[in-house]
Amino acid sequence: MKLKKVLAAAMISMLAVGALTGCGGDKKKADSGKKVQIEYWHVAAESFGGGTVKELVADFNSKHPNIEVVAKYNPDMYKGLTQNLQAAMASGKNPDVVQMGYSFLNYAAENLKYTDLNTAFKAAGDENFMKDNFLPNVLNLAQTEDGKQIGLPYSVSVPVLYYNPEIFAKAGLDPENPPKTWNEVAKASAQIKAKTGNMGFFMQEYADNWTQQALIESNGGKMMVKVNGKVQAGFDNPESAAAYQVIADMVKAGNGLHATNEEGFQAYLSGKLGMVCTTIGKRANFEKGAKFPVKAVPFPAFEGKEVKIPAGGNFLMVFSKDAEKQKAAVEFIKYLESPEALAKWSTGTGYLPPRKGVADDPKGFKKLVDENANIKMALQEMTKVTKWASFPGANGLQAEQLLIDARDIILSGKMSAADALHQTAEKINKLL
């Protein structure tokens, strides 16, 4: 619960800070007189901020004639990026700046040879950048338990429930009174299918367990627990199974969708899906692509239980070994974390900005917050966040994949949630 209070305070402080500090690295140049080329690895697909990445990289390059940033998209989200990163590093070809998911914090700290950010910023002549522009509790999002700052928080998101008010009206549901609990989601999903023929519900199926963690922990389960000082799977219990079974039962009944993200999101945008549970980071894409008013409401609760949602998104890490590339990488990070660039990133995606003052900037993000009910709701949801579970050790990636595989087993009806989670927990415990 410590992180919950920490992040709530962080977001409140961000909204309260009126004065912006520093404009970041877009007004400075790397020390080298020659052009330094660096690679920026990200997970932003075209439908998930890819266009904004291109815009930001082009703007940075135009303002820094002696630095050239080359962006590289990595599919399969953070798991895919991490696997690609390990392969590149094994061959001696390090990228320079990388978006790392919060769920891979422990794995990255223990298994990847990253460049210490405090050292890199000091070498670049701006050792107080992080301390001056980010609250300590926000910086904590990219810190290990022993206090190592392995990255700088960049994107922050929460899972929300988007719905189509036009489908709700056609199904005889009240568009002004959307579901607040998972029981209400299941009932609404069945009614949508029965009354309109459209599919009722879809929960994102990225190569991670982010929304599934929110589902499990909001019903009293745990992703991980410590037993005799050792981390073990914590989801082998009735609460976790019951939570997961809610989604599986909708799929089994024929009103819930088990599909790829592309299929699920397109069904929503084309007006053939009533509800989709995914990141607020999809807000801009949904609002731009839908021909109906896109509405988002908080992650549903289980009757009588407290909602717990993991903070999603990513932090920026540096892997440059060359001194000049490190300086250029720091300059690029300072630009990405500048108020102007963060406002563009948040506007173009839906992610919430981590830097002090950005959310209260009257010329930037604040105007969007005041005008967009979906963003305002997402900011308020930050009071419920917990830390995104990060499997430790050299087998952390395998543990994550086993739980992803369990999702497919459960939703395809091959096994009950209770049996699948029990077997997966046993496998993960052996790995850990």
Protein backbone atom coordinates (compact mmCIF):
# COMPACT_ATOMS: atom_id res chain seq x y z
CA MET A 1 0.00 0.00 0.00
CA LYS A 2 3.04 2.21 0.31
CA LEU A 3 3.32 2.66 -3.45
CA LYS A 4 -0.39 3.48 -3.63
CA LYS A 5 0.08 6.45 -1.27
CA VAL A 6 3.31 7.41 -2.96
CA LEU A 7 1.81 7.58 -6.46
CA ALA A 8 -1.35 9.30 -5.28
CA ALA A 9 0.80 12.00 -3.68
CA ALA A 10 2.90 12.18 -6.80
CA MET A 11 -0.06 12.83 -9.10
CA ILE A 12 -1.61 15.36 -6.72
CA SER A 13 1.71 17.20 -6.55
CA MET A 14 2.03 17.12 -10.32
CA LEU A 15 -1.37 18.76 -10.68
CA ALA A 16 -0.59 21.32 -8.01
CA VAL A 17 2.74 22.53 -9.31
CA GLY A 18 2.18 25.66 -11.34
CA ALA A 19 5.66 26.64 -12.39
CA LEU A 20 7.54 24.59 -14.94
CA THR A 21 11.19 23.98 -14.31
CA GLY A 22 13.64 23.86 -17.15
CA CYS A 23 12.81 23.02 -20.75
CA GLY A 24 15.01 19.97 -21.03
CA GLY A 25 17.64 19.20 -23.60
CA ASP A 26 16.07 20.70 -26.69
CA LYS A 27 18.20 23.81 -26.35
CA LYS A 28 21.55 22.13 -25.77
CA LYS A 29 23.85 20.16 -28.03
CA ALA A 30 26.13 17.25 -27.40
CA ASP A 31 29.70 18.24 -26.77
CA SER A 32 31.06 16.43 -29.78
CA GLY A 33 31.65 18.43 -32.95
CA LYS A 34 30.74 15.49 -35.16
CA LYS A 35 27.32 13.96 -35.63
CA VAL A 36 26.62 11.21 -33.12
CA GLN A 37 24.06 8.58 -34.09
CA ILE A 38 22.08 6.82 -31.37
CA GLU A 39 19.28 4.23 -31.47
CA TYR A 40 15.99 4.66 -29.61
CA TRP A 41 14.10 1.41 -29.03
CA HIS A 42 10.38 1.67 -28.28
CA VAL A 43 7.15 -0.38 -28.30
CA ALA A 44 4.87 2.27 -29.84
CA ALA A 45 3.04 0.68 -32.76
CA GLU A 46 1.38 2.96 -35.32
CA SER A 47 -1.92 2.58 -33.47
CA PHE A 48 -0.26 3.18 -30.10
CA GLY A 49 1.79 6.37 -30.34
CA GLY A 50 4.06 5.41 -33.23
CA GLY A 51 3.25 8.58 -35.11
CA THR A 52 4.08 10.70 -32.07
CA VAL A 53 7.44 8.91 -31.68
CA LYS A 54 8.30 9.87 -35.27
CA GLU A 55 7.22 13.46 -34.65
CA LEU A 56 9.32 13.77 -31.50
CA VAL A 57 12.41 12.17 -33.06
CA ALA A 58 12.17 14.42 -36.12
CA ASP A 59 11.80 17.51 -33.91
CA PHE A 60 14.77 16.53 -31.76
CA ASN A 61 16.97 15.84 -34.79
CA SER A 62 16.09 19.18 -36.35
CA LYS A 63 17.11 20.99 -33.17
CA HIS A 64 20.31 18.98 -32.67
CA PRO A 65 22.29 18.94 -35.94
CA ASN A 66 25.16 17.08 -34.29
CA ILE A 67 22.95 14.21 -33.03
CA GLU A 68 20.88 11.80 -35.09
CA VAL A 69 18.34 9.62 -33.32
CA VAL A 70 17.21 6.50 -35.18
CA ALA A 71 14.00 5.05 -33.78
CA LYS A 72 13.33 1.30 -33.83
CA TYR A 73 9.92 -0.20 -33.10
CA ASN A 74 9.92 -3.53 -31.24
CA PRO A 75 6.77 -5.67 -31.53
CA ASP A 76 5.40 -7.92 -28.79
CA MET A 77 5.59 -5.11 -26.26
CA TYR A 78 8.16 -5.11 -23.44
CA LYS A 79 8.78 -8.85 -23.49
CA GLY A 80 9.64 -8.70 -27.19
CA LEU A 81 11.82 -5.64 -26.72
CA THR A 82 13.70 -7.23 -23.82
CA GLN A 83 14.37 -10.39 -25.81
CA ASN A 84 15.61 -8.34 -28.76
CA LEU A 85 17.73 -6.24 -26.41
CA GLN A 86 19.45 -9.28 -24.93
CA ALA A 87 20.21 -10.64 -28.40
CA ALA A 88 21.65 -7.29 -29.53
CA MET A 89 23.79 -6.92 -26.42
CA ALA A 90 25.10 -10.47 -26.80
CA SER A 91 26.40 -9.49 -30.25
CA GLY A 92 27.92 -6.26 -28.93
CA LYS A 93 25.38 -3.98 -30.60
CA ASN A 94 23.80 -2.00 -27.80
CA PRO A 95 20.94 0.40 -28.50
CA ASP A 96 21.28 3.68 -26.62
CA VAL A 97 17.90 4.68 -25.20
CA VAL A 98 15.27 2.05 -24.47
CA GLN A 99 11.66 2.07 -23.26
CA MET A 100 11.56 -0.59 -20.53
CA GLY A 101 8.24 -1.72 -19.03
CA TYR A 102 7.79 -1.33 -15.29
CA SER A 103 7.03 -5.06 -15.11
CA PHE A 104 10.63 -5.78 -16.18
CA LEU A 105 12.26 -3.52 -13.56
CA ASN A 106 13.73 -6.35 -11.47
CA TYR A 107 14.66 -8.45 -14.47
CA ALA A 108 16.46 -5.53 -16.16
CA ALA A 109 18.29 -4.60 -12.98
CA GLU A 110 19.52 -8.14 -12.40
CA ASN A 111 20.23 -9.33 -15.94
CA LEU A 112 21.05 -6.37 -18.21
CA LYS A 113 24.27 -4.34 -18.24
CA TYR A 114 22.74 -0.87 -18.26
CA THR A 115 24.40 2.52 -17.90
CA ASP A 116 23.87 4.12 -14.50
CA LEU A 117 21.72 7.20 -15.06
CA ASN A 118 23.17 9.26 -12.23
CA THR A 119 26.64 8.72 -13.66
CA ALA A 120 25.48 9.49 -17.21
CA PHE A 121 23.73 12.73 -16.26
CA LYS A 122 26.74 13.85 -14.22
CA ALA A 123 29.10 13.16 -17.15
CA ALA A 124 26.78 15.17 -19.39
CA GLY A 125 27.03 18.15 -17.03
CA ASP A 126 23.50 18.00 -15.61
CA GLU A 127 23.67 15.80 -12.53
CA ASN A 128 20.66 17.47 -10.85
CA PHE A 129 18.20 17.06 -13.76
CA MET A 130 16.28 14.17 -12.23
CA LYS A 131 16.25 15.57 -8.69
CA ASP A 132 15.17 19.03 -9.85
CA ASN A 133 12.37 17.94 -12.18
CA PHE A 134 10.89 14.75 -10.71
CA LEU A 135 9.37 14.03 -7.33
CA PRO A 136 11.24 11.37 -5.31
CA ASN A 137 8.17 9.12 -5.26
CA VAL A 138 7.90 9.31 -9.06
CA LEU A 139 11.59 8.47 -9.47
CA ASN A 140 10.91 5.46 -7.26
CA LEU A 141 8.95 3.86 -10.12
CA ALA A 142 12.27 3.10 -11.83
CA GLN A 143 14.25 2.27 -8.70
CA THR A 144 15.11 -1.18 -7.40
CA GLU A 145 14.38 -2.10 -3.78
CA ASP A 146 17.96 -1.23 -2.85
CA GLY A 147 17.59 2.26 -4.34
CA LYS A 148 19.37 1.93 -7.69
CA GLN A 149 18.01 4.39 -10.27
CA ILE A 150 18.15 2.17 -13.34
CA GLY A 151 15.95 4.42 -15.46
CA LEU A 152 13.77 7.54 -15.59
CA PRO A 153 9.95 7.23 -15.55
CA TYR A 154 8.48 8.26 -18.91
CA SER A 155 5.00 6.83 -19.58
CA VAL A 156 2.45 6.22 -16.85
CA SER A 157 -0.90 4.56 -17.46
CA VAL A 158 -3.85 2.87 -15.76
CA PRO A 159 -6.26 0.23 -17.12
CA VAL A 160 -9.76 1.55 -17.81
CA LEU A 161 -13.04 0.33 -19.30
CA TYR A 162 -13.93 1.95 -22.63
CA TYR A 163 -17.49 1.56 -23.89
CA ASN A 164 -19.61 2.47 -26.90
CA PRO A 165 -22.62 4.55 -25.72
CA GLU A 166 -24.47 3.95 -29.00
CA ILE A 167 -24.32 0.16 -28.58
CA PHE A 168 -25.40 0.58 -24.96
CA ALA A 169 -28.49 2.53 -26.07
CA LYS A 170 -29.38 -0.07 -28.72
CA ALA A 171 -29.05 -2.84 -26.13
CA GLY A 172 -31.39 -1.06 -23.72
CA LEU A 173 -28.56 -0.15 -21.35
CA ASP A 174 -28.14 3.33 -19.89
CA PRO A 175 -25.11 5.03 -21.56
CA GLU A 176 -24.93 7.43 -18.61
CA ASN A 177 -24.73 4.58 -16.11
CA PRO A 178 -21.99 2.22 -17.35
CA PRO A 179 -20.87 -0.85 -15.36
CA LYS A 180 -19.03 -0.25 -12.11
CA THR A 181 -18.52 -3.88 -11.09
CA TRP A 182 -17.48 -7.05 -12.91
CA ASN A 183 -20.89 -8.54 -12.25
CA GLU A 184 -22.43 -5.56 -14.08
CA VAL A 185 -19.89 -5.93 -16.92
CA ALA A 186 -20.88 -9.59 -17.39
CA LYS A 187 -24.60 -8.76 -17.40
CA ALA A 188 -24.12 -5.85 -19.82
CA SER A 189 -21.98 -8.02 -22.11
CA ALA A 190 -24.69 -10.70 -22.30
CA GLN A 191 -27.40 -8.10 -22.92
CA ILE A 192 -25.41 -6.44 -25.71
CA LYS A 193 -25.00 -9.78 -27.48
CA ALA A 194 -28.65 -10.74 -27.02
CA LYS A 195 -30.14 -7.39 -28.06
CA THR A 196 -27.74 -6.21 -30.79
CA GLY A 197 -25.82 -9.27 -31.99
CA ASN A 198 -22.57 -7.43 -31.28
CA MET A 199 -19.87 -8.83 -29.05
CA GLY A 200 -20.05 -7.46 -25.52
CA PHE A 201 -16.57 -7.41 -24.01
CA PHE A 202 -12.85 -7.74 -24.73
CA MET A 203 -9.86 -7.44 -22.38
CA GLN A 204 -6.51 -6.59 -23.95
CA GLU A 205 -4.19 -9.53 -24.72
CA TYR A 206 -0.77 -7.94 -24.99
CA ALA A 207 2.31 -10.03 -24.27
CA ASP A 208 2.11 -9.16 -20.58
CA ASN A 209 -0.16 -9.72 -17.57
CA TRP A 210 -0.94 -6.10 -16.71
CA THR A 211 -4.75 -6.07 -16.84
CA GLN A 212 -4.82 -9.62 -15.49
CA GLN A 213 -2.87 -8.43 -12.45
CA ALA A 214 -5.47 -5.71 -11.90
CA LEU A 215 -8.22 -8.32 -12.20
CA ILE A 216 -6.59 -10.78 -9.78
CA GLU A 217 -5.49 -8.27 -7.13
CA SER A 218 -8.80 -6.37 -7.19
CA ASN A 219 -10.45 -9.59 -6.03
CA GLY A 220 -7.98 -10.12 -3.19
CA GLY A 221 -5.42 -12.29 -4.99
CA LYS A 222 -1.71 -11.63 -5.41
CA MET A 223 0.67 -11.94 -8.33
CA MET A 224 3.66 -12.69 -6.11
CA VAL A 225 4.26 -13.42 -2.44
CA LYS A 226 7.35 -13.97 -0.30
CA VAL A 227 7.66 -17.26 1.52
CA ASN A 228 10.68 -17.66 3.82
CA GLY A 229 12.32 -14.74 2.03
CA LYS A 230 11.81 -16.23 -1.43
CA VAL A 231 9.49 -14.87 -4.13
CA GLN A 232 6.77 -17.29 -5.24
CA ALA A 233 3.65 -17.10 -7.40
CA GLY A 234 0.77 -15.74 -5.35
CA PHE A 235 -2.16 -16.38 -7.68
CA ASP A 236 -2.82 -20.04 -6.84
CA ASN A 237 -5.92 -19.33 -4.74
CA PRO A 238 -9.74 -19.13 -5.07
CA GLU A 239 -9.80 -15.32 -5.29
CA SER A 240 -7.47 -15.18 -8.31
CA ALA A 241 -9.24 -18.06 -10.06
CA ALA A 242 -12.68 -16.52 -9.51
CA ALA A 243 -11.50 -13.21 -10.95
CA TYR A 244 -10.03 -14.79 -14.07
CA GLN A 245 -13.08 -17.04 -14.51
CA VAL A 246 -15.33 -13.97 -14.93
CA ILE A 247 -13.63 -13.18 -18.25
CA ALA A 248 -13.48 -16.85 -19.28
CA ASP A 249 -17.20 -17.29 -18.64
CA MET A 250 -18.05 -14.35 -20.92
CA VAL A 251 -15.96 -15.91 -23.69
CA LYS A 252 -17.56 -19.31 -23.11
CA ALA A 253 -21.05 -17.78 -23.24
CA GLY A 254 -20.27 -16.23 -26.63
CA ASN A 255 -20.50 -12.59 -25.63
CA GLY A 256 -16.85 -12.11 -24.63
CA LEU A 257 -14.04 -11.97 -27.17
CA HIS A 258 -10.80 -13.96 -27.02
CA ALA A 259 -8.71 -12.56 -29.88
CA THR A 260 -5.62 -10.60 -30.82
CA ASN A 261 -5.46 -6.98 -29.78
CA GLU A 262 -5.73 -5.89 -33.39
CA GLU A 263 -8.98 -7.84 -33.79
CA GLY A 264 -10.40 -6.70 -30.47
CA PHE A 265 -9.52 -3.04 -30.84
CA GLN A 266 -10.75 -2.94 -34.44
CA ALA A 267 -14.04 -4.51 -33.40
CA TYR A 268 -14.48 -1.69 -30.88
CA LEU A 269 -13.53 1.06 -33.33
CA SER A 270 -15.84 -0.31 -36.01
CA GLY A 271 -18.84 -0.30 -33.68
CA LYS A 272 -19.09 -4.08 -33.29
CA LEU A 273 -17.94 -4.36 -29.66
CA GLY A 274 -19.61 -2.82 -26.64
CA MET A 275 -16.74 -2.66 -24.12
CA VAL A 276 -12.97 -3.03 -24.11
CA CYS A 277 -10.70 -3.07 -21.06
CA THR A 278 -7.25 -1.72 -21.86
CA THR A 279 -4.80 1.09 -21.13
CA ILE A 280 -5.63 4.78 -21.02
CA GLY A 281 -2.61 4.95 -23.35
CA LYS A 282 -5.00 3.91 -26.16
CA ARG A 283 -7.21 6.94 -25.56
CA ALA A 284 -5.95 9.13 -28.40
CA ASN A 285 -6.06 6.28 -30.93
CA PHE A 286 -9.61 5.33 -29.93
CA GLU A 287 -10.90 8.90 -29.90
CA LYS A 288 -9.37 9.58 -33.31
CA GLY A 289 -10.43 6.33 -34.98
CA ALA A 290 -13.97 5.77 -33.65
CA LYS A 291 -17.11 7.13 -35.35
CA PHE A 292 -18.92 7.28 -32.01
CA PRO A 293 -18.19 9.13 -28.75
CA VAL A 294 -15.50 7.15 -26.93
CA LYS A 295 -16.17 7.01 -23.21
CA ALA A 296 -13.90 5.58 -20.53
CA VAL A 297 -14.72 4.73 -16.93
CA PRO A 298 -12.68 3.32 -14.02
CA PHE A 299 -11.50 -0.29 -13.91
CA PRO A 300 -14.48 -2.26 -12.53
CA ALA A 301 -14.57 -3.51 -8.95
CA PHE A 302 -15.54 -6.81 -7.39
CA GLU A 303 -18.46 -6.51 -4.98
CA GLY A 304 -17.31 -5.11 -1.65
CA LYS A 305 -13.61 -5.15 -2.56
CA GLU A 306 -11.01 -2.44 -3.14
CA VAL A 307 -9.80 -1.90 -6.72
CA LYS A 308 -6.04 -2.34 -7.14
CA ILE A 309 -4.53 -1.44 -10.48
CA PRO A 310 -0.83 -1.64 -11.41
CA ALA A 311 0.89 1.45 -12.77
CA GLY A 312 1.55 0.64 -16.42
CA GLY A 313 3.85 2.19 -18.99
CA ASN A 314 7.59 2.44 -19.19
CA PHE A 315 10.79 4.13 -18.06
CA LEU A 316 13.81 5.15 -20.13
CA MET A 317 17.11 3.28 -19.77
CA VAL A 318 20.53 3.99 -21.28
CA PHE A 319 22.74 1.22 -22.66
CA SER A 320 25.38 3.29 -24.46
CA LYS A 321 28.98 2.39 -23.69
CA ASP A 322 30.69 5.07 -25.78
CA ALA A 323 31.06 8.37 -23.87
CA GLU A 324 29.78 10.56 -26.71
CA LYS A 325 26.79 8.30 -27.28
CA GLN A 326 26.02 8.45 -23.56
CA LYS A 327 25.99 12.26 -23.67
CA ALA A 328 23.77 12.22 -26.74
CA ALA A 329 21.46 9.69 -25.05
CA VAL A 330 21.14 11.93 -22.00
CA GLU A 331 20.39 14.91 -24.25
CA PHE A 332 17.65 12.94 -25.99
CA ILE A 333 16.13 11.79 -22.68
CA LYS A 334 16.09 15.38 -21.44
CA TYR A 335 14.23 16.34 -24.58
CA LEU A 336 11.70 13.50 -24.27
CA GLU A 337 11.12 14.48 -20.65
CA SER A 338 10.76 18.21 -21.41
CA PRO A 339 7.32 19.74 -20.72
CA GLU A 340 6.75 20.42 -24.43
CA ALA A 341 7.64 16.88 -25.55
CA LEU A 342 5.73 15.23 -22.69
CA ALA A 343 2.62 17.23 -23.58
CA LYS A 344 2.89 15.96 -27.18
CA TRP A 345 3.46 12.38 -26.00
CA SER A 346 0.52 12.47 -23.60
CA THR A 347 -1.74 14.12 -26.17
CA GLY A 348 -0.77 11.66 -28.90
CA THR A 349 -1.22 8.57 -26.73
CA GLY A 350 -3.11 8.95 -23.49
CA TYR A 351 -0.18 8.30 -21.16
CA LEU A 352 0.03 10.47 -18.06
CA PRO A 353 3.12 12.70 -17.71
CA PRO A 354 5.55 11.96 -14.85
CA ARG A 355 7.39 15.30 -14.64
CA LYS A 356 6.51 18.05 -12.17
CA GLY A 357 4.29 20.78 -13.56
CA VAL A 358 3.37 19.26 -16.91
CA ALA A 359 -0.16 18.31 -15.89
CA ASP A 360 -0.74 21.88 -14.70
CA ASP A 361 0.78 23.67 -17.71
CA PRO A 362 -1.96 26.01 -19.05
CA LYS A 363 -0.31 26.03 -22.49
CA GLY A 364 -0.03 22.26 -22.74
CA PHE A 365 -1.50 19.26 -20.99
CA LYS A 366 -3.78 21.11 -18.55
CA LYS A 367 -5.98 22.36 -21.39
CA LEU A 368 -6.43 18.79 -22.57
CA VAL A 369 -7.24 17.62 -19.02
CA ASP A 370 -9.87 20.34 -18.63
CA GLU A 371 -11.49 19.46 -21.96
CA ASN A 372 -11.28 15.65 -21.89
CA ALA A 373 -13.32 13.72 -19.32
CA ASN A 374 -11.44 10.47 -20.10
CA ILE A 375 -8.08 11.99 -19.13
CA LYS A 376 -9.49 13.61 -16.01
CA MET A 377 -10.91 10.25 -14.91
CA ALA A 378 -7.58 8.49 -15.54
CA LEU A 379 -5.68 10.99 -13.40
CA GLN A 380 -8.12 10.38 -10.54
CA GLU A 381 -7.55 6.62 -10.90
CA MET A 382 -3.90 7.07 -9.91
CA THR A 383 -4.99 6.96 -6.26
CA LYS A 384 -5.65 3.21 -6.67
CA VAL A 385 -2.38 2.10 -8.23
CA THR A 386 -0.02 -0.58 -7.00
CA LYS A 387 3.32 -1.67 -8.44
CA TRP A 388 3.33 -3.75 -11.62
CA ALA A 389 4.59 -7.20 -10.64
CA SER A 390 8.08 -7.96 -11.86
CA PHE A 391 9.30 -11.56 -11.70
CA PRO A 392 12.90 -11.59 -10.42
CA GLY A 393 15.88 -13.71 -11.38
CA ALA A 394 17.35 -15.02 -14.61
CA ASN A 395 14.11 -16.90 -15.36
CA GLY A 396 11.87 -13.86 -15.01
CA LEU A 397 11.02 -13.76 -18.72
CA GLN A 398 10.05 -17.42 -18.71
CA ALA A 399 7.84 -16.92 -15.66
CA GLU A 400 6.07 -14.03 -17.36
CA GLN A 401 5.53 -16.12 -20.51
CA LEU A 402 4.07 -19.04 -18.54
CA LEU A 403 1.42 -16.77 -17.10
CA ILE A 404 0.69 -15.34 -20.57
CA ASP A 405 0.28 -18.92 -21.84
CA ALA A 406 -2.12 -19.63 -18.98
CA ARG A 407 -4.33 -16.78 -20.20
CA ASP A 408 -4.78 -18.49 -23.56
CA ILE A 409 -5.48 -21.84 -21.88
CA ILE A 410 -8.14 -20.29 -19.64
CA LEU A 411 -9.85 -18.12 -22.25
CA SER A 412 -9.88 -20.86 -24.88
CA GLY A 413 -11.71 -23.11 -22.42
CA LYS A 414 -9.05 -25.81 -22.35
CA MET A 415 -8.86 -25.66 -18.57
CA SER A 416 -10.63 -23.91 -15.69
CA ALA A 417 -8.98 -20.81 -14.27
CA ALA A 418 -8.34 -22.61 -10.98
CA ASP A 419 -6.57 -25.58 -12.61
CA ALA A 420 -4.58 -23.47 -15.08
CA LEU A 421 -3.39 -21.04 -12.43
CA HIS A 422 -2.47 -23.89 -10.07
CA GLN A 423 -0.35 -25.65 -12.70
CA THR A 424 1.25 -22.37 -13.80
CA ALA A 425 2.11 -21.41 -10.23
CA GLU A 426 3.88 -24.74 -9.71
CA LYS A 427 5.94 -24.24 -12.89
CA ILE A 428 6.84 -20.64 -12.00
CA ASN A 429 7.84 -21.56 -8.46
CA LYS A 430 10.29 -24.14 -9.84
CA LEU A 431 11.78 -21.48 -12.13
CA LEU A 432 12.10 -18.88 -9.40
